[in-house]
Amino acid sequence: MLIVTCAVIRNEENEILVVQRGEATDHPYKWEFPGGKLAPGETEEECIIREIKEELSMEIVICGRLPEVFYDYGHKQITLIPFISDTLDEVPFLSEHVAFRWVKAKDLLTPDYSEADVFVATHYLEQTKIEERDEEELIQQADDSLTDITDLQAIVNNMMSMKEAEWVATSALENPAIFSKLFEYSLSSDKRLSFRSSWTLTKVCDKFPELMYPYLKKVVELLGKIENESTLRSFLRIISFSDLDTISSSDQGKLADFCFSTLNSGYSAIAVKAYAMEILYKLVLIYPDLANELYTSINILMEDSSAGITSRGRMILRKLSSLPENPKSSDYKV
C-alpha cells in the first residue's frame, strides 16, 4: 500500500489551494490537494513540506492533521495522510500540475477531485464547522490568558484560524508588549512560531504600519540571516508597505543590496522576489539613479519566470516608465 501525504493549504484570505493533474497521469485532469509519496527514512511532516516545495515552490507551516483516508483505486491502494497548513505565498510555481485554483471553503466540494481527495475535502469542512462553533469560546479563553503575557507564545503556536490571528493582531494594537513579543517570536528558530508570529505582525502592520517603524532598522540588518522563507516574506511585505524615509540612508542601501541580490538569485521564492521588486520601486522614488539597475534586473528575471513574477514585473516596469527622471518609457519592455 502506498503512503501518500497531501496538504490542505490556506492563504491569507482563508482560501484553499487545489491543483489539477495533467493528461498523462493515472487520474487525468482530476483536481487534488497537492502532495506526494513518503520517501524512505522521512517523517510524514517532512514529506509534505518537501513535496510542496518541490511541486509548487511554496513554503508551508503545518497547523493540524485530518483523518487518514484509505482508498482502493483498483490498480493501487493508498493511505492518504492530509495536513492542514498555512502559507503566505500567493502564487505556486507548477512543476507537475497543469492548473491551480484558490477555492473558498463554501466551494471546496465543487472541483472534480480524485476519489480519495473528496474525503479529504469533506473531513476538512467537518472540522471547520467544529472550529467555527467553538471559536468564540477559544477566543474568550485566549482573552483570559493574555492577562499574562507569558501565555502569548502558546496562543500563537496553537492558532488554527484566520479569526484567531486577527484577534491577536487587535490585541497587539492595544498592548505594545504583545507587539514586542510577536516581533521577538518572529525571529525564533521554531519555524511554526516564527511563521505565525510574523504572519500576525503583517495583520497589525496592514492597518498600522507605523507600529513597525522602531523595528525596521533591526529587520533590515537581519534580512540576510532569516532562513525561514515564510518569515522573510512576512517582513518584506511589511517593509513594502512602510515609509522607507523613516530609516537611515545606510539602511536604505543595505535594503537595496539585499533586494537586488534576491532578484538575481536563482533560489529565492517567488513571493520573496515579488516583494523585493515592490521595495526597490519605493527606493527608486527616493534614489532615481537605481531605476536603470531595477529595470535591467526585472527584465532578466522575466526571461525565464512564472506567470506570477512576469505579471508583477510588468506592473513595476509600467510604474517605472511613468517616472520623469527614469529611462525613457520606450526603453521598457512592458
C-alpha atoms as a PDB file:
ATOM      1  CA  MET A   1       0.000   0.000   0.000  1.00  0.00           C
ATOM      2  CA  LEU A   2       1.313   3.431  -0.933  1.00  0.00           C
ATOM      3  CA  ILE A   3       1.693   6.017   1.828  1.00  0.00           C
ATOM      4  CA  VAL A   4       0.911   9.464   0.409  1.00  0.00           C
ATOM      5  CA  THR A   5       0.716  12.853   2.111  1.00  0.00           C
ATOM      6  CA  CYS A   6      -1.287  15.864   0.952  1.00  0.00           C
ATOM      7  CA  ALA A   7      -1.773  19.428   2.163  1.00  0.00           C
ATOM      8  CA  VAL A   8      -4.917  21.499   2.564  1.00  0.00           C
ATOM      9  CA  ILE A   9      -3.109  24.815   2.076  1.00  0.00           C
ATOM     10  CA  ARG A  10      -4.808  28.016   3.230  1.00  0.00           C
ATOM     11  CA  ASN A  11      -3.801  31.517   2.170  1.00  0.00           C
ATOM     12  CA  GLU A  12      -4.304  34.854   3.927  1.00  0.00           C
ATOM     13  CA  GLU A  13      -7.876  35.058   2.627  1.00  0.00           C
ATOM     14  CA  ASN A  14      -8.603  31.622   4.126  1.00  0.00           C
ATOM     15  CA  GLU A  15      -8.968  30.148   0.639  1.00  0.00           C
ATOM     16  CA  ILE A  16      -7.724  26.612  -0.066  1.00  0.00           C
ATOM     17  CA  LEU A  17      -5.341  25.625  -2.852  1.00  0.00           C
ATOM     18  CA  VAL A  18      -6.324  22.825  -5.237  1.00  0.00           C
ATOM     19  CA  VAL A  19      -4.287  21.677  -8.233  1.00  0.00           C
ATOM     20  CA  GLN A  20      -5.163  19.832 -11.431  1.00  0.00           C
ATOM     21  CA  ARG A  21      -3.359  16.753 -12.726  1.00  0.00           C
ATOM     22  CA  GLY A  22      -2.247  16.545 -16.349  1.00  0.00           C
ATOM     23  CA  GLU A  23      -3.398  14.222 -19.129  1.00  0.00           C
ATOM     24  CA  ALA A  24      -0.534  11.718 -18.802  1.00  0.00           C
ATOM     25  CA  THR A  25      -1.371  10.680 -15.231  1.00  0.00           C
ATOM     26  CA  ASP A  26      -3.424   7.907 -13.658  1.00  0.00           C
ATOM     27  CA  HIS A  27      -6.134  10.467 -12.798  1.00  0.00           C
ATOM     28  CA  PRO A  28      -6.134  12.749 -15.869  1.00  0.00           C
ATOM     29  CA  TYR A  29      -7.441  16.266 -15.319  1.00  0.00           C
ATOM     30  CA  LYS A  30      -8.722  15.455 -11.828  1.00  0.00           C
ATOM     31  CA  TRP A  31      -8.264  18.037  -9.087  1.00  0.00           C
ATOM     32  CA  GLU A  32      -6.468  17.191  -5.851  1.00  0.00           C
ATOM     33  CA  PHE A  33      -4.749  18.555  -2.778  1.00  0.00           C
ATOM     34  CA  PRO A  34      -1.014  18.718  -3.552  1.00  0.00           C
ATOM     35  CA  GLY A  35       1.414  16.254  -2.024  1.00  0.00           C
ATOM     36  CA  GLY A  36       3.252  13.056  -2.767  1.00  0.00           C
ATOM     37  CA  LYS A  37       4.708   9.734  -1.687  1.00  0.00           C
ATOM     38  CA  LEU A  38       6.541   9.203   1.556  1.00  0.00           C
ATOM     39  CA  ALA A  39      10.254   8.654   0.914  1.00  0.00           C
ATOM     40  CA  PRO A  40      12.306   6.117   2.899  1.00  0.00           C
ATOM     41  CA  GLY A  41      13.594   7.499   6.185  1.00  0.00           C
ATOM     42  CA  GLU A  42      11.473  10.683   6.306  1.00  0.00           C
ATOM     43  CA  THR A  43       8.586  11.557   8.582  1.00  0.00           C
ATOM     44  CA  GLU A  44       5.141  12.344   7.204  1.00  0.00           C
ATOM     45  CA  GLU A  45       5.617  16.018   8.141  1.00  0.00           C
ATOM     46  CA  GLU A  46       8.984  16.160   6.370  1.00  0.00           C
ATOM     47  CA  CYS A  47       7.396  14.523   3.337  1.00  0.00           C
ATOM     48  CA  ILE A  48       4.619  17.068   2.858  1.00  0.00           C
ATOM     49  CA  ILE A  49       6.919  20.067   3.381  1.00  0.00           C
ATOM     50  CA  ARG A  50       9.384  18.616   0.829  1.00  0.00           C
ATOM     51  CA  GLU A  51       6.680  17.739  -1.706  1.00  0.00           C
ATOM     52  CA  ILE A  52       5.068  21.187  -1.603  1.00  0.00           C
ATOM     53  CA  LYS A  53       8.439  22.859  -2.036  1.00  0.00           C
ATOM     54  CA  GLU A  54       9.359  20.573  -4.969  1.00  0.00           C
ATOM     55  CA  GLU A  55       5.968  20.661  -6.716  1.00  0.00           C
ATOM     56  CA  LEU A  56       4.882  24.247  -6.053  1.00  0.00           C
ATOM     57  CA  SER A  57       7.956  26.170  -4.792  1.00  0.00           C
ATOM     58  CA  MET A  58       5.902  27.196  -1.760  1.00  0.00           C
ATOM     59  CA  GLU A  59       6.707  27.384   1.934  1.00  0.00           C
ATOM     60  CA  ILE A  60       4.062  25.989   4.286  1.00  0.00           C
ATOM     61  CA  VAL A  61       3.660  25.664   8.022  1.00  0.00           C
ATOM     62  CA  ILE A  62       1.710  22.670   9.310  1.00  0.00           C
ATOM     63  CA  CYS A  63      -1.210  23.648  11.541  1.00  0.00           C
ATOM     64  CA  GLY A  64      -3.056  20.391  12.002  1.00  0.00           C
ATOM     65  CA  ARG A  65      -3.909  16.981  10.666  1.00  0.00           C
ATOM     66  CA  LEU A  66      -7.065  15.423   9.232  1.00  0.00           C
ATOM     67  CA  PRO A  67      -8.152  11.758   9.434  1.00  0.00           C
ATOM     68  CA  GLU A  68      -6.259   9.369   7.166  1.00  0.00           C
ATOM     69  CA  VAL A  69      -8.057   8.205   4.028  1.00  0.00           C
ATOM     70  CA  PHE A  70      -7.727   4.604   2.853  1.00  0.00           C
ATOM     71  CA  TYR A  71      -8.751   4.117  -0.767  1.00  0.00           C
ATOM     72  CA  ASP A  72      -8.563   1.256  -3.260  1.00  0.00           C
ATOM     73  CA  TYR A  73      -8.328   2.544  -6.833  1.00  0.00           C
ATOM     74  CA  GLY A  74      -8.144  -0.991  -8.217  1.00  0.00           C
ATOM     75  CA  HIS A  75      -4.703  -0.590  -9.743  1.00  0.00           C
ATOM     76  CA  LYS A  76      -3.338   0.726  -6.432  1.00  0.00           C
ATOM     77  CA  GLN A  77      -4.249   1.108  -2.796  1.00  0.00           C
ATOM     78  CA  ILE A  78      -3.248   4.230  -0.913  1.00  0.00           C
ATOM     79  CA  THR A  79      -3.215   5.635   2.586  1.00  0.00           C
ATOM     80  CA  LEU A  80      -3.625   9.386   2.184  1.00  0.00           C
ATOM     81  CA  ILE A  81      -2.404  11.475   5.132  1.00  0.00           C
ATOM     82  CA  PRO A  82      -3.771  15.055   4.956  1.00  0.00           C
ATOM     83  CA  PHE A  83      -2.243  18.028   6.765  1.00  0.00           C
ATOM     84  CA  ILE A  84      -3.841  21.427   7.268  1.00  0.00           C
ATOM     85  CA  SER A  85      -1.269  24.119   6.562  1.00  0.00           C
ATOM     86  CA  ASP A  86      -0.935  27.848   6.018  1.00  0.00           C
ATOM     87  CA  THR A  87       1.154  29.816   3.562  1.00  0.00           C
ATOM     88  CA  LEU A  88       1.936  33.433   2.774  1.00  0.00           C
ATOM     89  CA  ASP A  89       2.990  32.599  -0.791  1.00  0.00           C
ATOM     90  CA  GLU A  90       0.433  33.863  -3.283  1.00  0.00           C
ATOM     91  CA  VAL A  91       1.314  32.061  -6.497  1.00  0.00           C
ATOM     92  CA  PRO A  92       2.520  28.450  -6.794  1.00  0.00           C
ATOM     93  CA  PHE A  93       5.074  27.594  -9.472  1.00  0.00           C
ATOM     94  CA  LEU A  94       3.599  24.472 -11.108  1.00  0.00           C
ATOM     95  CA  SER A  95       6.125  21.776 -11.988  1.00  0.00           C
ATOM     96  CA  GLU A  96       3.855  18.692 -12.045  1.00  0.00           C
ATOM     97  CA  HIS A  97       0.315  20.052 -12.417  1.00  0.00           C
ATOM     98  CA  VAL A  98      -1.404  21.924 -15.235  1.00  0.00           C
ATOM     99  CA  ALA A  99      -3.543  24.374 -13.249  1.00  0.00           C
ATOM    100  CA  PHE A 100      -4.313  25.668  -9.772  1.00  0.00           C
ATOM    101  CA  ARG A 101      -7.212  27.418  -8.038  1.00  0.00           C
ATOM    102  CA  TRP A 102      -7.731  29.130  -4.703  1.00  0.00           C
ATOM    103  CA  VAL A 103     -11.160  27.954  -3.542  1.00  0.00           C
ATOM    104  CA  LYS A 104     -13.334  29.374  -0.784  1.00  0.00           C
ATOM    105  CA  ALA A 105     -14.336  26.846   1.865  1.00  0.00           C
ATOM    106  CA  LYS A 106     -18.009  27.005   0.824  1.00  0.00           C
ATOM    107  CA  ASP A 107     -16.984  25.904  -2.694  1.00  0.00           C
ATOM    108  CA  LEU A 108     -14.470  23.259  -1.638  1.00  0.00           C
ATOM    109  CA  LEU A 109     -16.558  20.319  -2.880  1.00  0.00           C
ATOM    110  CA  THR A 110     -17.071  21.889  -6.331  1.00  0.00           C
ATOM    111  CA  PRO A 111     -13.892  20.692  -8.156  1.00  0.00           C
ATOM    112  CA  ASP A 112     -13.872  17.268  -9.845  1.00  0.00           C
ATOM    113  CA  TYR A 113     -11.496  15.517  -7.419  1.00  0.00           C
ATOM    114  CA  SER A 114      -9.759  12.184  -7.449  1.00  0.00           C
ATOM    115  CA  GLU A 115     -11.867   9.909  -5.237  1.00  0.00           C
ATOM    116  CA  ALA A 116      -9.631   9.942  -2.154  1.00  0.00           C
ATOM    117  CA  ASP A 117      -9.446  13.744  -2.209  1.00  0.00           C
ATOM    118  CA  VAL A 118     -13.232  14.004  -1.919  1.00  0.00           C
ATOM    119  CA  PHE A 119     -12.916  12.508   1.565  1.00  0.00           C
ATOM    120  CA  VAL A 120     -10.158  14.995   2.454  1.00  0.00           C
ATOM    121  CA  ALA A 121     -12.358  17.934   1.418  1.00  0.00           C
ATOM    122  CA  THR A 122     -15.292  16.541   3.385  1.00  0.00           C
ATOM    123  CA  HIS A 123     -13.197  15.963   6.515  1.00  0.00           C
ATOM    124  CA  TYR A 124     -11.788  19.485   6.300  1.00  0.00           C
ATOM    125  CA  LEU A 125     -15.257  21.038   6.076  1.00  0.00           C
ATOM    126  CA  GLU A 126     -16.466  18.942   9.018  1.00  0.00           C
ATOM    127  CA  GLN A 127     -13.529  20.096  11.128  1.00  0.00           C
ATOM    128  CA  THR A 128     -14.041  23.715  10.067  1.00  0.00           C
ATOM    129  CA  LYS A 129     -17.628  23.608  11.314  1.00  0.00           C
ATOM    130  CA  ILE A 130     -16.455  22.345  14.690  1.00  0.00           C
ATOM    131  CA  GLU A 131     -13.801  25.079  14.890  1.00  0.00           C
ATOM    132  CA  GLU A 132     -16.315  27.804  13.999  1.00  0.00           C
ATOM    133  CA  ARG A 133     -18.730  26.529  16.647  1.00  0.00           C
ATOM    134  CA  ASP A 134     -16.050  26.580  19.325  1.00  0.00           C
ATOM    135  CA  GLU A 135     -14.195  29.685  18.169  1.00  0.00           C
ATOM    136  CA  GLU A 136     -15.888  32.219  20.435  1.00  0.00           C
ATOM    137  CA  GLU A 137     -15.078  30.042  23.447  1.00  0.00           C
ATOM    138  CA  LEU A 138     -11.446  29.666  22.307  1.00  0.00           C
ATOM    139  CA  ILE A 139     -11.033  33.409  21.849  1.00  0.00           C
ATOM    140  CA  GLN A 140     -12.610  34.089  25.241  1.00  0.00           C
ATOM    141  CA  GLN A 141     -10.116  31.661  26.778  1.00  0.00           C
ATOM    142  CA  ALA A 142      -7.315  33.455  24.953  1.00  0.00           C
ATOM    143  CA  ASP A 143      -8.637  36.808  26.236  1.00  0.00           C
ATOM    144  CA  ASP A 144      -8.332  35.499  29.772  1.00  0.00           C
ATOM    145  CA  SER A 145      -4.873  34.043  29.080  1.00  0.00           C
ATOM    146  CA  LEU A 146      -3.473  37.283  27.668  1.00  0.00           C
ATOM    147  CA  THR A 147      -3.757  38.917  31.040  1.00  0.00           C
ATOM    148  CA  ASP A 148      -0.452  37.064  31.480  1.00  0.00           C
ATOM    149  CA  ILE A 149       1.862  37.871  28.544  1.00  0.00           C
ATOM    150  CA  THR A 150       3.813  34.647  29.134  1.00  0.00           C
ATOM    151  CA  ASP A 151       0.904  32.692  27.626  1.00  0.00           C
ATOM    152  CA  LEU A 152       1.159  34.513  24.284  1.00  0.00           C
ATOM    153  CA  GLN A 153       3.610  32.011  22.782  1.00  0.00           C
ATOM    154  CA  ALA A 154       1.251  29.089  23.385  1.00  0.00           C
ATOM    155  CA  ILE A 155      -1.679  31.046  21.967  1.00  0.00           C
ATOM    156  CA  VAL A 156       0.214  31.968  18.790  1.00  0.00           C
ATOM    157  CA  ASN A 157       1.528  28.426  18.331  1.00  0.00           C
ATOM    158  CA  ASN A 158      -1.961  26.953  18.622  1.00  0.00           C
ATOM    159  CA  MET A 159      -3.884  29.380  16.408  1.00  0.00           C
ATOM    160  CA  MET A 160      -5.960  27.389  13.934  1.00  0.00           C
ATOM    161  CA  SER A 161      -7.979  30.063  12.116  1.00  0.00           C
ATOM    162  CA  MET A 162      -7.729  33.462  10.488  1.00  0.00           C
ATOM    163  CA  LYS A 163     -10.144  34.929  13.033  1.00  0.00           C
ATOM    164  CA  GLU A 164      -7.851  33.964  15.909  1.00  0.00           C
ATOM    165  CA  ALA A 165      -4.873  35.556  14.139  1.00  0.00           C
ATOM    166  CA  GLU A 166      -6.822  38.776  13.619  1.00  0.00           C
ATOM    167  CA  TRP A 167      -7.857  38.777  17.274  1.00  0.00           C
ATOM    168  CA  VAL A 168      -4.212  38.502  18.406  1.00  0.00           C
ATOM    169  CA  ALA A 169      -3.349  41.299  15.962  1.00  0.00           C
ATOM    170  CA  THR A 170      -6.026  43.510  17.509  1.00  0.00           C
ATOM    171  CA  SER A 171      -4.632  42.763  20.973  1.00  0.00           C
ATOM    172  CA  ALA A 172      -1.176  43.782  19.730  1.00  0.00           C
ATOM    173  CA  LEU A 173      -2.567  47.150  18.637  1.00  0.00           C
ATOM    174  CA  GLU A 174      -3.816  47.764  22.139  1.00  0.00           C
ATOM    175  CA  ASN A 175      -0.810  46.392  24.021  1.00  0.00           C
ATOM    176  CA  PRO A 176       2.747  47.348  22.920  1.00  0.00           C
ATOM    177  CA  ALA A 177       4.161  44.451  24.966  1.00  0.00           C
ATOM    178  CA  ILE A 178       2.286  41.981  22.764  1.00  0.00           C
ATOM    179  CA  PHE A 179       3.643  43.608  19.601  1.00  0.00           C
ATOM    180  CA  SER A 180       7.184  43.431  21.011  1.00  0.00           C
ATOM    181  CA  LYS A 181       6.762  39.752  21.878  1.00  0.00           C
ATOM    182  CA  LEU A 182       5.378  38.947  18.423  1.00  0.00           C
ATOM    183  CA  PHE A 183       8.472  40.548  16.901  1.00  0.00           C
ATOM    184  CA  GLU A 184      10.707  38.519  19.210  1.00  0.00           C
ATOM    185  CA  TYR A 185       8.897  35.282  18.335  1.00  0.00           C
ATOM    186  CA  SER A 186       9.194  36.110  14.622  1.00  0.00           C
ATOM    187  CA  LEU A 187      12.946  35.638  14.965  1.00  0.00           C
ATOM    188  CA  SER A 188      12.603  32.293  16.754  1.00  0.00           C
ATOM    189  CA  SER A 189      14.307  29.148  15.446  1.00  0.00           C
ATOM    190  CA  ASP A 190      10.927  27.431  15.942  1.00  0.00           C
ATOM    191  CA  LYS A 191       9.633  27.585  12.374  1.00  0.00           C
ATOM    192  CA  ARG A 192       5.947  27.333  13.287  1.00  0.00           C
ATOM    193  CA  LEU A 193       6.190  30.031  15.961  1.00  0.00           C
ATOM    194  CA  SER A 194       8.272  32.265  13.686  1.00  0.00           C
ATOM    195  CA  PHE A 195       5.836  31.972  10.792  1.00  0.00           C
ATOM    196  CA  ARG A 196       2.691  32.506  12.872  1.00  0.00           C
ATOM    197  CA  SER A 197       4.154  35.471  14.754  1.00  0.00           C
ATOM    198  CA  SER A 198       5.417  37.242  11.621  1.00  0.00           C
ATOM    199  CA  TRP A 199       2.104  36.488   9.888  1.00  0.00           C
ATOM    200  CA  THR A 200       0.242  38.099  12.794  1.00  0.00           C
ATOM    201  CA  LEU A 201       2.560  41.116  12.582  1.00  0.00           C
ATOM    202  CA  THR A 202       1.531  41.580   8.954  1.00  0.00           C
ATOM    203  CA  LYS A 203      -2.088  41.766  10.111  1.00  0.00           C
ATOM    204  CA  VAL A 204      -1.177  44.547  12.520  1.00  0.00           C
ATOM    205  CA  CYS A 205       1.019  46.442  10.056  1.00  0.00           C
ATOM    206  CA  ASP A 206      -1.517  46.262   7.239  1.00  0.00           C
ATOM    207  CA  LYS A 207      -3.622  48.662   9.319  1.00  0.00           C
ATOM    208  CA  PHE A 208      -0.957  50.463  11.314  1.00  0.00           C
ATOM    209  CA  PRO A 209       2.425  50.207   9.511  1.00  0.00           C
ATOM    210  CA  GLU A 210       3.910  52.900  11.760  1.00  0.00           C
ATOM    211  CA  LEU A 211       3.985  50.434  14.669  1.00  0.00           C
ATOM    212  CA  MET A 212       6.815  48.608  12.901  1.00  0.00           C
ATOM    213  CA  TYR A 213       8.966  51.693  12.286  1.00  0.00           C
ATOM    214  CA  PRO A 214      11.021  51.357  15.508  1.00  0.00           C
ATOM    215  CA  TYR A 215      11.894  47.802  14.438  1.00  0.00           C
ATOM    216  CA  LEU A 216      12.738  48.444  10.772  1.00  0.00           C
ATOM    217  CA  LYS A 217      16.455  49.027  11.337  1.00  0.00           C
ATOM    218  CA  LYS A 218      16.833  45.647  13.042  1.00  0.00           C
ATOM    219  CA  VAL A 219      14.730  43.926  10.379  1.00  0.00           C
ATOM    220  CA  VAL A 220      16.931  45.323   7.587  1.00  0.00           C
ATOM    221  CA  GLU A 221      20.059  44.157   9.399  1.00  0.00           C
ATOM    222  CA  LEU A 222      18.622  40.644   9.810  1.00  0.00           C
ATOM    223  CA  LEU A 223      17.164  40.110   6.320  1.00  0.00           C
ATOM    224  CA  GLY A 224      20.117  38.113   5.017  1.00  0.00           C
ATOM    225  CA  LYS A 225      20.119  35.895   8.107  1.00  0.00           C
ATOM    226  CA  ILE A 226      16.461  34.829   8.126  1.00  0.00           C
ATOM    227  CA  GLU A 227      16.339  31.200   6.975  1.00  0.00           C
ATOM    228  CA  ASN A 228      12.566  30.751   7.242  1.00  0.00           C
ATOM    229  CA  GLU A 229      11.275  31.914   3.834  1.00  0.00           C
ATOM    230  CA  SER A 230       7.744  32.426   5.127  1.00  0.00           C
ATOM    231  CA  THR A 231       9.026  34.745   7.856  1.00  0.00           C
ATOM    232  CA  LEU A 232      11.218  36.559   5.341  1.00  0.00           C
ATOM    233  CA  ARG A 233       8.224  37.027   3.092  1.00  0.00           C
ATOM    234  CA  SER A 234       6.245  38.494   6.020  1.00  0.00           C
ATOM    235  CA  PHE A 235       8.964  41.018   6.832  1.00  0.00           C
ATOM    236  CA  LEU A 236       9.392  42.023   3.181  1.00  0.00           C
ATOM    237  CA  ARG A 237       5.647  42.540   2.900  1.00  0.00           C
ATOM    238  CA  ILE A 238       5.706  44.774   5.975  1.00  0.00           C
ATOM    239  CA  ILE A 239       8.648  46.756   4.566  1.00  0.00           C
ATOM    240  CA  SER A 240       6.881  47.167   1.219  1.00  0.00           C
ATOM    241  CA  PHE A 241       4.014  48.955   2.990  1.00  0.00           C
ATOM    242  CA  SER A 242       6.306  51.075   5.167  1.00  0.00           C
ATOM    243  CA  ASP A 243       7.558  54.625   4.711  1.00  0.00           C
ATOM    244  CA  LEU A 244      11.201  53.955   3.794  1.00  0.00           C
ATOM    245  CA  ASP A 245      12.116  57.558   4.594  1.00  0.00           C
ATOM    246  CA  THR A 246      11.878  56.524   8.244  1.00  0.00           C
ATOM    247  CA  ILE A 247      15.113  54.509   8.005  1.00  0.00           C
ATOM    248  CA  SER A 248      18.626  55.892   7.521  1.00  0.00           C
ATOM    249  CA  SER A 249      20.321  56.168   4.136  1.00  0.00           C
ATOM    250  CA  SER A 250      22.796  53.447   5.133  1.00  0.00           C
ATOM    251  CA  ASP A 251      19.914  51.083   5.959  1.00  0.00           C
ATOM    252  CA  GLN A 252      18.222  52.024   2.697  1.00  0.00           C
ATOM    253  CA  GLY A 253      21.439  50.995   0.958  1.00  0.00           C
ATOM    254  CA  LYS A 254      21.525  47.662   2.805  1.00  0.00           C
ATOM    255  CA  LEU A 255      17.895  47.086   1.868  1.00  0.00           C
ATOM    256  CA  ALA A 256      18.568  47.833  -1.795  1.00  0.00           C
ATOM    257  CA  ASP A 257      21.554  45.460  -1.829  1.00  0.00           C
ATOM    258  CA  PHE A 258      19.507  42.670  -0.293  1.00  0.00           C
ATOM    259  CA  CYS A 259      16.584  43.130  -2.689  1.00  0.00           C
ATOM    260  CA  PHE A 260      18.786  43.216  -5.784  1.00  0.00           C
ATOM    261  CA  SER A 261      20.593  40.110  -4.550  1.00  0.00           C
ATOM    262  CA  THR A 262      17.212  38.418  -4.101  1.00  0.00           C
ATOM    263  CA  LEU A 263      16.078  39.283  -7.638  1.00  0.00           C
ATOM    264  CA  ASN A 264      19.314  37.959  -9.120  1.00  0.00           C
ATOM    265  CA  SER A 265      19.284  34.754  -7.068  1.00  0.00           C
ATOM    266  CA  GLY A 266      18.041  31.513  -8.564  1.00  0.00           C
ATOM    267  CA  TYR A 267      16.983  30.218  -5.169  1.00  0.00           C
ATOM    268  CA  SER A 268      14.660  32.886  -3.779  1.00  0.00           C
ATOM    269  CA  ALA A 269      10.949  32.078  -3.525  1.00  0.00           C
ATOM    270  CA  ILE A 270       8.528  33.705  -5.954  1.00  0.00           C
ATOM    271  CA  ALA A 271       6.765  35.756  -3.270  1.00  0.00           C
ATOM    272  CA  VAL A 272      10.098  36.966  -1.886  1.00  0.00           C
ATOM    273  CA  LYS A 273      11.143  38.206  -5.345  1.00  0.00           C
ATOM    274  CA  ALA A 274       7.777  39.904  -5.832  1.00  0.00           C
ATOM    275  CA  TYR A 275       8.098  41.909  -2.622  1.00  0.00           C
ATOM    276  CA  ALA A 276      11.742  42.703  -3.379  1.00  0.00           C
ATOM    277  CA  MET A 277      10.578  44.368  -6.613  1.00  0.00           C
ATOM    278  CA  GLU A 278       7.983  46.419  -4.747  1.00  0.00           C
ATOM    279  CA  ILE A 279      10.549  47.589  -2.190  1.00  0.00           C
ATOM    280  CA  LEU A 280      13.078  48.513  -4.869  1.00  0.00           C
ATOM    281  CA  TYR A 281      10.453  50.566  -6.677  1.00  0.00           C
ATOM    282  CA  LYS A 282       9.846  52.538  -3.468  1.00  0.00           C
ATOM    283  CA  LEU A 283      13.604  53.050  -3.166  1.00  0.00           C
ATOM    284  CA  VAL A 284      13.725  54.325  -6.756  1.00  0.00           C
ATOM    285  CA  LEU A 285      11.304  57.062  -5.693  1.00  0.00           C
ATOM    286  CA  ILE A 286      13.953  58.146  -3.184  1.00  0.00           C
ATOM    287  CA  TYR A 287      17.019  57.387  -5.339  1.00  0.00           C
ATOM    288  CA  PRO A 288      16.119  57.718  -9.044  1.00  0.00           C
ATOM    289  CA  ASP A 289      19.601  56.508 -10.056  1.00  0.00           C
ATOM    290  CA  LEU A 290      18.536  52.971  -9.042  1.00  0.00           C
ATOM    291  CA  ALA A 291      15.965  52.850 -11.836  1.00  0.00           C
ATOM    292  CA  ASN A 292      18.287  51.524 -14.556  1.00  0.00           C
ATOM    293  CA  GLU A 293      19.539  48.694 -12.365  1.00  0.00           C
ATOM    294  CA  LEU A 294      15.997  47.744 -11.367  1.00  0.00           C
ATOM    295  CA  TYR A 295      14.846  47.890 -14.982  1.00  0.00           C
ATOM    296  CA  THR A 296      17.666  45.545 -16.060  1.00  0.00           C
ATOM    297  CA  SER A 297      17.175  43.115 -13.162  1.00  0.00           C
ATOM    298  CA  ILE A 298      13.437  42.789 -13.779  1.00  0.00           C
ATOM    299  CA  ASN A 299      13.814  42.193 -17.498  1.00  0.00           C
ATOM    300  CA  ILE A 300      16.433  39.497 -16.901  1.00  0.00           C
ATOM    301  CA  LEU A 301      14.214  37.897 -14.256  1.00  0.00           C
ATOM    302  CA  MET A 302      11.193  37.891 -16.583  1.00  0.00           C
ATOM    303  CA  GLU A 303      13.056  35.977 -19.306  1.00  0.00           C
ATOM    304  CA  ASP A 304      12.534  32.646 -17.547  1.00  0.00           C
ATOM    305  CA  SER A 305       9.966  33.122 -14.779  1.00  0.00           C
ATOM    306  CA  SER A 306       6.458  32.095 -13.811  1.00  0.00           C
ATOM    307  CA  ALA A 307       3.345  33.971 -14.888  1.00  0.00           C
ATOM    308  CA  GLY A 308       3.055  35.493 -11.425  1.00  0.00           C
ATOM    309  CA  ILE A 309       6.536  37.010 -11.475  1.00  0.00           C
ATOM    310  CA  THR A 310       6.133  38.156 -15.089  1.00  0.00           C
ATOM    311  CA  SER A 311       2.873  39.918 -14.265  1.00  0.00           C
ATOM    312  CA  ARG A 312       4.380  41.626 -11.202  1.00  0.00           C
ATOM    313  CA  GLY A 313       7.481  42.603 -13.193  1.00  0.00           C
ATOM    314  CA  ARG A 314       5.425  44.212 -15.951  1.00  0.00           C
ATOM    315  CA  MET A 315       3.463  46.181 -13.375  1.00  0.00           C
ATOM    316  CA  ILE A 316       6.655  47.561 -11.811  1.00  0.00           C
ATOM    317  CA  LEU A 317       8.106  48.375 -15.244  1.00  0.00           C
ATOM    318  CA  ARG A 318       4.972  50.318 -16.149  1.00  0.00           C
ATOM    319  CA  LYS A 319       5.304  52.351 -12.957  1.00  0.00           C
ATOM    320  CA  LEU A 320       8.990  52.951 -13.671  1.00  0.00           C
ATOM    321  CA  SER A 321       8.239  54.148 -17.191  1.00  0.00           C
ATOM    322  CA  SER A 322       5.972  56.869 -15.840  1.00  0.00           C
ATOM    323  CA  LEU A 323       8.725  58.440 -13.721  1.00  0.00           C
ATOM    324  CA  PRO A 324      10.210  61.510 -15.483  1.00  0.00           C
ATOM    325  CA  GLU A 325      13.756  61.016 -14.213  1.00  0.00           C
ATOM    326  CA  ASN A 326      13.948  57.363 -15.200  1.00  0.00           C
ATOM    327  CA  PRO A 327      14.904  55.884 -18.596  1.00  0.00           C
ATOM    328  CA  LYS A 328      12.594  56.735 -21.467  1.00  0.00           C
ATOM    329  CA  SER A 329       9.353  54.771 -21.480  1.00  0.00           C
ATOM    330  CA  SER A 330      10.282  53.363 -24.876  1.00  0.00           C
ATOM    331  CA  ASP A 331      13.217  51.574 -23.247  1.00  0.00           C
ATOM    332  CA  TYR A 332      10.932  49.491 -21.012  1.00  0.00           C
ATOM    333  CA  LYS A 333       9.562  46.129 -22.082  1.00  0.00           C
ATOM    334  CA  VAL A 334       6.028  46.146 -20.740  1.00  0.00           C
END
